[in-house]
């Protein structure tokens, strides 16, 4: 009997907009993760589906782990030093 791939459930991330205070769930494709050389330059971003505001929030180690594990596209920022 041939093996058939099982459907993978889409990963959804809970998020909130600091401007309009809406709470919602976003698919991995709606988020971007930037990993920099420091905590200050490591963040994730998305556009609020309610008000259209571009949101940028800091990402600690646990957030980075969850987002990368959930398939969020990642940009590694290089140091210019």
Protein backbone atom coordinates (compact mmCIF):
# COMPACT_ATOMS: atom_id res chain seq x y z
CA UNK A 1 0.00 0.00 0.00
CA UNK A 2 1.56 3.37 -0.99
CA UNK A 3 2.11 5.98 1.67
CA UNK A 4 -0.01 9.06 1.27
CA UNK A 5 1.10 12.27 2.94
CA UNK A 6 -1.14 13.42 5.73
CA UNK A 7 -2.45 16.95 5.43
CA UNK A 8 -0.56 19.34 7.66
CA UNK A 9 -2.68 21.74 9.67
CA UNK A 10 -1.90 25.38 9.00
CA UNK A 11 -0.10 27.06 11.88
CA UNK A 12 -1.80 30.20 13.14
CA UNK A 13 -0.17 32.75 15.41
CA UNK A 14 -2.11 34.96 17.82
CA UNK A 15 -1.27 38.63 17.50
CA UNK A 16 -2.59 42.02 18.51
CA UNK A 17 -2.33 45.50 17.06
CA UNK A 18 -0.98 48.19 19.41
CA UNK A 19 -2.83 50.90 17.45
CA UNK A 20 -6.42 49.65 17.12
CA UNK A 21 -6.08 46.96 19.85
CA UNK A 22 -7.64 44.30 17.60
CA UNK A 23 -6.73 40.68 18.36
CA UNK A 24 -6.51 38.15 15.56
CA UNK A 25 -4.73 35.08 14.22
CA UNK A 26 -2.22 35.23 11.38
CA UNK A 27 -0.90 32.51 9.11
CA UNK A 28 2.88 32.11 8.80
CA UNK A 29 2.82 33.87 5.43
CA UNK A 30 1.50 37.07 7.01
CA UNK A 31 4.51 37.41 9.34
CA UNK A 32 8.16 38.26 8.75
CA UNK A 33 11.02 37.58 11.16
CA UNK A 34 14.30 39.51 11.12
CA UNK A 35 17.19 38.09 13.15
CA UNK A 36 19.89 40.61 13.95
CA UNK A 37 23.09 40.58 15.95
CA UNK A 38 21.37 41.73 19.14
CA UNK A 39 18.02 41.65 20.91
CA UNK A 40 17.38 45.18 19.66
CA UNK A 41 17.71 44.13 16.02
CA UNK A 42 15.70 40.89 16.26
CA UNK A 43 12.00 41.43 15.61
CA UNK A 44 8.92 40.19 13.80
CA UNK A 45 6.51 42.27 11.78
CA UNK A 46 3.09 42.08 10.20
CA UNK A 47 0.35 44.33 8.86
CA UNK A 48 -2.76 44.60 11.03
CA UNK A 49 -5.67 43.09 9.08
CA UNK A 50 -8.10 45.43 10.86
CA UNK A 51 -6.52 48.89 10.45
CA UNK A 52 -3.61 48.30 8.05
CA UNK A 53 -0.92 49.51 10.46
CA UNK A 54 2.58 48.09 9.96
CA UNK A 55 3.45 46.48 13.31
CA UNK A 56 6.96 45.62 14.50
CA UNK A 57 7.58 43.79 17.78
CA UNK A 58 10.74 42.50 19.47
CA UNK A 59 11.39 38.76 19.24
CA UNK A 60 13.19 36.94 22.02
CA UNK A 61 14.64 33.45 21.69
CA UNK A 62 11.34 31.68 22.36
CA UNK A 63 9.43 33.79 19.81
CA UNK A 64 12.15 33.17 17.21
CA UNK A 65 11.91 29.43 17.89
CA UNK A 66 8.11 29.40 17.57
CA UNK A 67 8.02 31.52 14.40
CA UNK A 68 10.77 29.62 12.58
CA UNK A 69 9.23 26.30 13.63
CA UNK A 70 5.88 27.48 12.27
CA UNK A 71 7.27 28.33 8.84
CA UNK A 72 7.57 32.12 9.09
CA UNK A 73 9.98 33.56 6.51
CA UNK A 74 13.19 34.69 8.15
CA UNK A 75 15.68 37.37 7.17
CA UNK A 76 19.09 37.26 8.81
CA UNK A 77 20.54 40.73 9.22
CA UNK A 78 24.32 40.96 8.86
CA UNK A 79 26.51 43.06 11.09
CA UNK A 80 28.43 45.86 9.40
CA UNK A 81 31.16 45.83 12.07
